[in-house]
Amino acid sequence: MLADAPGWVQALVLGIVQGLTEFIPVSSSAHLVLVPALAGWERHGLAFDVALHVGTLLALVVYYRRDLWGIALAVLGRSPEAERTAYRRVLLLLIAASVPVGVAGLVFGEGIEAVFSAPVATAWLLFGTAAVLIVGEQLHRRHARPGGTSAAADDRDDTAVGRLGWGQALGVGFAQMFALLPGLSRSGLTISAGIAAGLPRPLATRFAFLLGLPAIAGAAVVQVPQVEDLEGITAVELAVGVTAAAIAGYLAIAFLVRLVSRAGIDRFAWYVVPVAAVSLWVLG
């Protein structure tokens, strides 16, 4: 029954899956590998994957438009001095933290792509995401102490992310590098790295998502030259997939930002572990 679903239904499902799981720490890459495999669908191809990433990129741009506008004004020198200094530092932190994933993608690209064709390996890597979520939250609770900066204050301060240390930013950047592998959640690894380094959850989440902008855009740009055609994907299916990814992605960001202000993200491990186990049972 699922295997016979119309193309636009498959595009809708995959778009929603991509949008939700790109930002909720359960690994979008794993779900995009496992969902078609479990449903009996053929892989839609590289062009469709790039299109879905564009949808989630749009969600990030819209949600973090204030930060992006602040960075643009700072670069142009058209904002107050304190704000300009803070946002320029944010830009430098994002550039520095993006270097590890860029280098790893260029050096290990072919090997990483091979893992995307291995659903069983992807399912095993999901256990790694669960472990990172749990360990990161445990380390964060050790760092937490009375009298620290409140989550609410970090959320209200537009320039708070500019006060990250270089070591904290680079730690998040190196964590993002491992998320090139399907099954290892980019949002899960980067948020966990931030909170493990002592950042308040809202600030760690904000930096992780801002860091996703160059990562997702860069991945799409690198893949574009390899895309020869849409491999049988119709314009309607493409539009449905991109729209679904953008809307689901925006809702996922809003949900997670609200969640981390009052609770940890380790609870998602209790979703990831059963998904991995069931996938191994079905595919094995």
Foldseek 3Di string as FASTA:
>chain_A
DLQPDDLLVVLLVLLLLQQQCLAQLQFSLLCLLLVCVVSVYDRQDDVLVLLSLVLLLLLLCVVCVVLVVLLVCLVVVNDPPVSSVLSVLLVVLLVLLQVLQVVLCVPCVVVQVVLSNPSLVLLVLLLVLLVLQVVLVVLLVVLDDPPDDALVVCVVDSSNLSPDDSVLSNQLSNQLNVSSHGNHHQNSSQLSSNSSVHDQSLSSNVSSSVSVNCVSVVVSVVCVVVDDDSRPQDPSSSVSNSNSSNVSNNVSSVVVSVDSSPDGSSVCSVVSNVVSVVSNVVVD
